[in-house]
Amino acid sequence: MICSPSRSVQVKGIPDYLPQPIVDECRMQIVQAVQELISRTRLEGVSIQVEAGNAPQQKNAEPAPPRDVAGLGDSRRPGTSGQKQSGDEPTVEERAAIYEARDSLYDFDFLVVPDSVMESLLSAVDLIKVEEKVFDHWNLRSIEPFPRSALNFHGPSGTGKTLAAHAVASYLAKPILLASYAEIESKYVGDASKNIEAVFFAAERDGAILFIDEADSLLSRRLTDVTQGAEQAINSMRSQLLICLERYKGIAIFSTNLVENYDQAFQTRMRYIQFPLPDQKSRRKIWERHLPSQLPLGKDVSLDELASLEGICGRDIKNAVIDTALRAARKGESLILQSQLIEAVERVKSSRVGKQE
């Protein structure tokens, strides 16, 4: 008779500083893996014991070097990192080599958002600047281990979330490391978790602001009653993200479109800033900044009239200006007229709606 893995699997040595949801996730992943193994092989009388952390070493065995749980280096030996794993499995350093921080492209002078959003941004950044003093020097970390140095920018596409991340990095005089869910996710089961570990390692290595775009799938609720390897990998990826956030000593910014399906564990570890579609005042500023003085504008071009066009974001305005200029240049026209800009806006809106249908 096949033994029940829920009774035969023993897990020892999980670090006691990990939150209970992550501990449960570790046990669940191991139990599910054993269940699948037994189901496929029809093994009998299986008893598996997993030991980690401060589990007793075998006599004369070479002790394993300590390793940070999030893969960001040994917490007792600053500057060290995860050890080379068996076979051809790349180390966290090797995975992190593909990620490189860069200088920010924009500052707050270029960012156009409603006044309430700008105030929320500046307040969040100022809080981050004093975090070390308040939580480390004044020891408020003893009552709040996770002071939420992670930000989540949420709202429709094209509303300035990426630009705002660059502005935050510029304000704090730090480089920015850009990643997206598409880059982190992998068709190979288990690789996404390792890629998350690597991108956090790279950001801490470079002293950078970490910006993860299209992060909705990363922050969604973990799946229950999982039966497939892909579902287990998704849960493992989200648990790894939690671990990295807890151990990360830098600033992480996520960009998402929706917040309704967030995992509760992420909701309590982030500050949230909503980016709405620009109001008329903001649209006027965006139009003004995207119509450089060298652009041959006709006398009929009116910023006020352009600002009255609703239902568009900053990206739509930029694309409309570029589209109009390219068409005018192709046709050999010497001026860009108001009607051409309005027509370009309608083309951009129609194209966007078509993609969503």
Protein backbone atom coordinates (compact mmCIF):
# COMPACT_ATOMS: atom_id res chain seq x y z
CA MET A 1 0.00 0.00 0.00
CA ILE A 2 1.28 3.48 -0.86
CA CYS A 3 2.00 5.50 2.22
CA SER A 4 0.51 8.94 2.70
CA PRO A 5 3.17 11.61 2.13
CA SER A 6 1.37 14.00 4.44
CA ARG A 7 2.34 11.63 7.26
CA SER A 8 5.71 10.46 6.00
CA VAL A 9 7.27 13.77 4.98
CA GLN A 10 9.05 15.61 7.76
CA VAL A 11 10.35 19.11 7.22
CA LYS A 12 12.90 20.41 9.69
CA GLY A 13 15.02 23.51 9.99
CA ILE A 14 12.85 26.11 8.25
CA PRO A 15 14.11 29.47 9.63
CA ASP A 16 11.89 30.73 12.42
CA TYR A 17 11.94 34.32 11.13
CA LEU A 18 9.90 33.43 8.05
CA PRO A 19 6.18 34.33 8.18
CA GLN A 20 3.77 31.43 8.58
CA PRO A 21 2.29 31.67 5.04
CA ILE A 22 5.74 31.08 3.55
CA VAL A 23 6.44 28.20 5.94
CA ASP A 24 3.13 26.61 4.92
CA GLU A 25 3.97 27.19 1.27
CA CYS A 26 7.32 25.40 1.67
CA ARG A 27 5.68 22.38 3.25
CA MET A 28 2.88 22.35 0.68
CA GLN A 29 5.31 22.39 -2.25
CA ILE A 30 7.35 19.51 -0.80
CA VAL A 31 4.29 17.42 0.00
CA GLN A 32 2.80 17.97 -3.44
CA ALA A 33 6.09 17.02 -5.12
CA VAL A 34 6.24 13.79 -3.09
CA GLN A 35 2.61 13.01 -3.88
CA GLU A 36 3.29 13.38 -7.59
CA LEU A 37 6.42 11.22 -7.35
CA ILE A 38 4.59 8.43 -5.53
CA SER A 39 1.64 8.61 -7.91
CA ARG A 40 3.88 8.23 -10.96
CA THR A 41 6.24 5.57 -9.63
CA ARG A 42 3.82 3.58 -7.42
CA LEU A 43 6.49 3.42 -4.75
CA GLU A 44 5.58 1.84 -1.45
CA GLY A 45 6.64 2.55 2.10
CA VAL A 46 8.21 5.89 1.23
CA SER A 47 9.41 8.05 4.09
CA ILE A 48 11.14 11.33 3.27
CA GLN A 49 12.82 13.65 5.73
CA VAL A 50 13.89 17.14 4.65
CA GLU A 51 16.37 19.03 6.79
CA ALA A 52 17.70 22.54 6.34
CA GLY A 53 18.84 25.54 8.33
CA ASN A 54 20.46 24.40 11.58
CA ALA A 55 19.75 20.70 11.05
CA PRO A 56 22.49 18.40 12.39
CA GLN A 57 25.37 17.69 10.00
CA GLN A 58 26.52 14.19 9.27
CA LYS A 59 29.74 13.19 10.91
CA ASN A 60 32.83 14.24 8.91
CA ALA A 61 30.59 15.95 6.33
CA GLU A 62 31.72 19.27 4.94
CA PRO A 63 29.35 21.90 6.40
CA ALA A 64 27.37 23.81 3.80
CA PRO A 65 28.17 27.52 3.73
CA PRO A 66 25.35 29.66 5.10
CA ARG A 67 23.16 31.29 2.47
CA ASP A 68 20.65 34.08 2.63
CA VAL A 69 17.11 32.76 2.32
CA ALA A 70 16.26 35.20 -0.47
CA GLY A 71 19.45 34.50 -2.36
CA LEU A 72 20.75 37.99 -1.74
CA GLY A 73 23.89 36.87 0.03
CA ASP A 74 24.85 35.50 3.43
CA SER A 75 23.30 37.79 6.03
CA ARG A 76 26.19 37.03 8.37
CA ARG A 77 28.84 37.70 5.74
CA PRO A 78 28.00 40.87 3.80
CA GLY A 79 29.00 40.79 0.17
CA THR A 80 28.84 37.02 -0.25
CA SER A 81 26.18 35.32 -2.32
CA GLY A 82 24.51 32.04 -3.14
CA GLN A 83 26.80 29.14 -3.85
CA LYS A 84 27.10 27.30 -7.14
CA GLN A 85 24.45 24.63 -7.32
CA SER A 86 24.90 21.14 -8.67
CA GLY A 87 25.21 20.35 -12.36
CA ASP A 88 24.86 23.16 -14.84
CA GLU A 89 22.39 25.14 -12.76
CA PRO A 90 23.50 28.80 -12.91
CA THR A 91 24.17 30.66 -9.70
CA VAL A 92 22.15 33.70 -8.71
CA GLU A 93 25.07 35.88 -9.81
CA GLU A 94 25.02 34.30 -13.26
CA ARG A 95 21.27 34.77 -13.61
CA ALA A 96 21.59 38.37 -12.38
CA ALA A 97 24.24 39.17 -14.99
CA ILE A 98 21.55 39.83 -17.62
CA TYR A 99 20.07 42.62 -15.47
CA GLU A 100 21.90 45.93 -15.37
CA ALA A 101 20.88 49.22 -13.83
CA ARG A 102 20.93 52.41 -15.89
CA ASP A 103 20.69 56.12 -15.28
CA SER A 104 17.15 57.45 -14.99
CA LEU A 105 15.80 59.11 -18.13
CA TYR A 106 13.37 61.57 -16.54
CA ASP A 107 12.99 63.65 -13.41
CA PHE A 108 9.96 65.16 -11.68
CA ASP A 109 10.15 68.24 -13.91
CA PHE A 110 9.07 66.14 -16.89
CA LEU A 111 6.38 64.16 -15.07
CA VAL A 112 2.84 65.48 -15.54
CA VAL A 113 0.22 64.01 -13.22
CA PRO A 114 -2.65 65.48 -11.22
CA ASP A 115 -1.56 67.48 -8.18
CA SER A 116 -2.88 64.85 -5.77
CA VAL A 117 -0.77 62.14 -7.43
CA MET A 118 2.35 64.32 -7.38
CA GLU A 119 1.84 65.02 -3.67
CA SER A 120 1.47 61.29 -2.95
CA LEU A 121 4.63 60.55 -4.91
CA LEU A 122 6.74 63.19 -3.19
CA SER A 123 5.43 62.15 0.22
CA ALA A 124 6.28 58.49 -0.43
CA VAL A 125 9.78 59.38 -1.62
CA ASP A 126 10.41 61.65 1.37
CA LEU A 127 9.29 58.85 3.70
CA ILE A 128 11.76 56.51 2.00
CA LYS A 129 14.57 59.04 2.47
CA VAL A 130 14.09 59.08 6.25
CA GLU A 131 13.39 55.36 6.58
CA GLU A 132 16.91 54.41 7.68
CA LYS A 133 16.92 57.03 10.41
CA VAL A 134 13.47 56.18 11.72
CA PHE A 135 13.51 52.39 11.48
CA ASP A 136 17.18 51.56 12.03
CA HIS A 137 18.68 54.37 14.14
CA TRP A 138 15.49 54.90 16.15
CA ASN A 139 14.76 51.15 16.14
CA LEU A 140 11.15 51.31 14.96
CA ARG A 141 12.02 48.22 12.94
CA SER A 142 11.56 46.32 16.20
CA ILE A 143 7.83 47.02 15.97
CA GLU A 144 7.55 47.19 12.15
CA PRO A 145 9.99 44.79 10.46
CA PHE A 146 8.61 45.65 7.00
CA PRO A 147 8.33 49.45 6.72
CA ARG A 148 6.91 49.22 3.19
CA SER A 149 9.76 50.60 1.14
CA ALA A 150 7.96 49.01 -1.81
CA LEU A 151 5.67 51.15 -3.94
CA ASN A 152 2.90 50.03 -6.26
CA PHE A 153 1.91 52.36 -9.08
CA HIS A 154 -1.45 51.25 -10.42
CA GLY A 155 -3.74 52.62 -13.07
CA PRO A 156 -4.43 52.49 -16.83
CA SER A 157 -1.59 52.04 -19.29
CA GLY A 158 0.16 55.18 -20.45
CA THR A 159 -0.60 57.29 -17.38
CA GLY A 160 3.02 57.90 -16.34
CA LYS A 161 3.86 54.97 -14.07
CA THR A 162 7.16 54.12 -15.76
CA LEU A 163 8.10 57.78 -16.07
CA ALA A 164 7.34 58.25 -12.36
CA ALA A 165 9.67 55.37 -11.46
CA HIS A 166 12.47 57.12 -13.37
CA ALA A 167 11.62 60.36 -11.56
CA VAL A 168 11.84 58.64 -8.16
CA ALA A 169 15.26 57.22 -9.04
CA SER A 170 16.43 60.65 -10.20
CA TYR A 171 15.13 62.30 -7.02
CA LEU A 172 17.00 59.79 -4.86
CA ALA A 173 20.14 60.02 -7.06
CA LYS A 174 20.09 56.28 -7.77
CA PRO A 175 20.21 54.25 -10.98
CA ILE A 176 17.12 52.29 -12.01
CA LEU A 177 16.92 48.61 -12.90
CA LEU A 178 14.02 47.82 -15.22
CA ALA A 179 12.38 44.41 -15.47
CA SER A 180 8.98 43.11 -16.50
CA TYR A 181 6.88 40.08 -15.68
CA ALA A 182 7.43 38.80 -19.22
CA GLU A 183 11.20 38.75 -18.60
CA ILE A 184 10.85 37.07 -15.20
CA GLU A 185 8.28 34.45 -16.16
CA SER A 186 9.71 31.35 -17.79
CA LYS A 187 8.29 28.40 -19.68
CA TYR A 188 10.54 26.18 -17.58
CA VAL A 189 8.93 25.21 -14.28
CA GLY A 190 10.78 26.74 -11.36
CA ASP A 191 12.82 29.26 -13.33
CA ALA A 192 10.52 32.20 -12.60
CA SER A 193 11.26 31.97 -8.88
CA LYS A 194 14.97 31.89 -9.59
CA ASN A 195 14.65 34.86 -11.93
CA ILE A 196 12.87 36.86 -9.21
CA GLU A 197 15.73 36.04 -6.87
CA ALA A 198 18.21 37.17 -9.53
CA VAL A 199 16.54 40.49 -10.31
CA PHE A 200 16.46 41.48 -6.63
CA PHE A 201 20.10 40.41 -6.32
CA ALA A 202 21.02 42.58 -9.32
CA ALA A 203 19.20 45.63 -7.93
CA GLU A 204 20.94 45.32 -4.57
CA ARG A 205 24.26 44.69 -6.33
CA ASP A 206 23.91 47.94 -8.31
CA GLY A 207 22.38 49.99 -5.48
CA ALA A 208 19.46 50.65 -7.80
CA ILE A 209 15.76 51.35 -7.64
CA LEU A 210 14.07 48.15 -8.83
CA PHE A 211 11.14 48.73 -11.19
CA ILE A 212 9.03 45.73 -12.22
CA ASP A 213 6.52 46.53 -14.95
CA GLU A 214 3.38 44.52 -15.79
CA ALA A 215 3.46 43.03 -12.32
CA ASP A 216 -0.23 42.10 -12.00
CA SER A 217 0.45 38.36 -12.31
CA LEU A 218 3.22 38.53 -9.73
CA LEU A 219 1.05 40.19 -7.08
CA SER A 220 -2.18 38.24 -7.58
CA ARG A 221 -3.58 35.87 -4.99
CA ARG A 222 -1.86 32.54 -4.71
CA LEU A 223 -3.78 29.59 -6.10
CA THR A 224 -5.51 27.04 -3.87
CA ASP A 225 -6.11 23.34 -4.51
CA VAL A 226 -3.33 23.32 -7.09
CA THR A 227 -2.97 20.14 -9.12
CA GLN A 228 -0.67 21.04 -12.01
CA GLY A 229 3.04 21.77 -12.03
CA ALA A 230 2.42 25.15 -13.65
CA GLU A 231 0.06 26.17 -10.84
CA GLN A 232 2.60 25.07 -8.24
CA ALA A 233 5.25 27.12 -10.03
CA ILE A 234 3.03 30.22 -9.89
CA ASN A 235 2.54 29.84 -6.15
CA SER A 236 6.25 29.23 -5.67
CA MET A 237 7.04 32.36 -7.69
CA ARG A 238 4.76 34.52 -5.54
CA SER A 239 6.16 33.05 -2.34
CA GLN A 240 9.69 33.78 -3.57
CA LEU A 241 8.67 37.37 -4.25
CA LEU A 242 7.45 37.69 -0.66
CA ILE A 243 10.75 36.35 0.65
CA CYS A 244 12.76 38.74 -1.52
CA LEU A 245 10.68 41.74 -0.48
CA GLU A 246 11.22 40.93 3.18
CA ARG A 247 14.98 40.59 2.84
CA TYR A 248 15.56 43.33 0.26
CA LYS A 249 17.33 46.42 1.56
CA GLY A 250 16.51 48.66 -1.39
CA ILE A 251 13.44 50.25 -2.94
CA ALA A 252 11.16 48.25 -5.22
CA ILE A 253 8.47 49.79 -7.42
CA PHE A 254 5.79 47.73 -9.14
CA SER A 255 3.58 48.87 -12.01
CA THR A 256 0.15 47.27 -12.38
CA ASN A 257 -3.20 47.98 -13.98
CA LEU A 258 -5.52 46.44 -11.37
CA VAL A 259 -5.39 45.95 -7.60
CA GLU A 260 -8.56 43.98 -6.97
CA ASN A 261 -6.91 40.55 -7.06
CA TYR A 262 -3.80 41.26 -5.01
CA ASP A 263 -2.64 38.75 -2.45
CA GLN A 264 -3.23 40.11 1.04
CA ALA A 265 0.41 39.49 1.91
CA PHE A 266 1.46 42.00 -0.74
CA GLN A 267 -1.20 44.54 0.18
CA THR A 268 0.28 44.98 3.65
CA ARG A 269 3.84 45.42 2.38
CA MET A 270 3.40 48.26 -0.10
CA ARG A 271 2.39 51.87 -0.46
CA TYR A 272 -0.11 52.38 -3.23
CA ILE A 273 -0.33 55.33 -5.61
CA GLN A 274 -3.06 55.45 -8.23
CA PHE A 275 -2.36 57.00 -11.63
CA PRO A 276 -5.64 58.07 -13.25
CA LEU A 277 -6.09 59.29 -16.80
CA PRO A 278 -4.90 62.92 -16.93
CA ASP A 279 -7.39 65.68 -16.24
CA GLN A 280 -7.72 68.66 -18.59
CA LYS A 281 -5.08 70.68 -16.78
CA SER A 282 -2.61 67.80 -17.02
CA ARG A 283 -3.46 67.11 -20.65
CA ARG A 284 -2.63 70.71 -21.55
CA LYS A 285 0.79 70.41 -19.92
CA ILE A 286 1.45 67.10 -21.67
CA TRP A 287 0.55 68.56 -25.07
CA GLU A 288 2.78 71.55 -24.40
CA ARG A 289 5.77 69.38 -23.50
CA HIS A 290 5.30 67.12 -26.52
CA LEU A 291 5.20 69.96 -29.05
CA PRO A 292 8.84 71.12 -29.21
CA SER A 293 9.60 74.60 -30.48
CA GLN A 294 11.29 73.18 -33.60
CA LEU A 295 8.04 71.54 -34.71
CA PRO A 296 6.46 73.63 -37.54
CA LEU A 297 3.03 74.25 -36.02
CA GLY A 298 0.32 76.12 -37.84
CA LYS A 299 -1.17 79.24 -36.26
CA ASP A 300 -4.44 77.39 -35.71
CA VAL A 301 -2.92 74.95 -33.18
CA SER A 302 -4.63 75.54 -29.83
CA LEU A 303 -3.41 73.87 -26.66
CA ASP A 304 -6.72 74.58 -24.95
CA GLU A 305 -8.67 72.81 -27.67
CA LEU A 306 -6.26 69.87 -27.69
CA ALA A 307 -6.50 69.65 -23.89
CA SER A 308 -10.29 69.34 -24.19
CA LEU A 309 -9.93 65.98 -25.98
CA GLU A 310 -10.93 63.43 -23.34
CA GLY A 311 -10.22 59.77 -22.79
CA ILE A 312 -6.54 59.93 -23.69
CA CYS A 313 -3.36 59.43 -21.69
CA GLY A 314 0.12 60.85 -21.99
CA ARG A 315 1.28 58.00 -24.21
CA ASP A 316 -1.64 58.64 -26.57
CA ILE A 317 -0.64 62.30 -26.86
CA LYS A 318 2.98 61.43 -27.58
CA ASN A 319 1.98 58.88 -30.22
CA ALA A 320 -0.43 61.36 -31.83
CA VAL A 321 2.28 64.02 -32.15
CA ILE A 322 4.78 61.54 -33.63
CA ASP A 323 2.20 60.13 -36.03
CA THR A 324 1.22 63.61 -37.24
CA ALA A 325 4.84 64.68 -37.74
CA LEU A 326 5.73 61.52 -39.68
CA ARG A 327 2.73 61.89 -41.99
CA ALA A 328 3.47 65.56 -42.62
CA ALA A 329 7.13 64.87 -43.38
CA ARG A 330 6.26 61.99 -45.70
CA LYS A 331 3.88 64.20 -47.68
CA GLY A 332 6.33 67.11 -47.79
CA GLU A 333 4.04 69.44 -45.85
CA SER A 334 5.58 72.50 -44.24
CA LEU A 335 3.11 72.95 -41.36
CA ILE A 336 1.32 70.77 -38.84
CA LEU A 337 -2.29 71.82 -38.43
CA GLN A 338 -4.75 71.48 -35.57
CA SER A 339 -7.01 69.22 -37.62
CA GLN A 340 -4.11 66.84 -38.27
CA LEU A 341 -3.35 66.50 -34.55
CA ILE A 342 -7.02 65.87 -33.75
CA GLU A 343 -7.25 63.25 -36.50
CA ALA A 344 -4.13 61.59 -35.13
CA VAL A 345 -5.70 61.41 -31.67
CA GLU A 346 -8.75 59.68 -33.14
CA ARG A 347 -6.53 57.18 -34.95
CA VAL A 348 -4.64 56.43 -31.75
CA LYS A 349 -7.89 55.95 -29.81
CA SER A 350 -9.37 53.71 -32.49
CA SER A 351 -6.24 51.61 -32.60
CA ARG A 352 -6.20 51.25 -28.82
CA VAL A 353 -9.86 50.23 -28.62
CA GLY A 354 -9.37 47.74 -31.44
CA LYS A 355 -6.65 45.98 -29.49
CA GLN A 356 -8.80 45.70 -26.40
CA GLU A 357 -11.80 44.17 -28.18
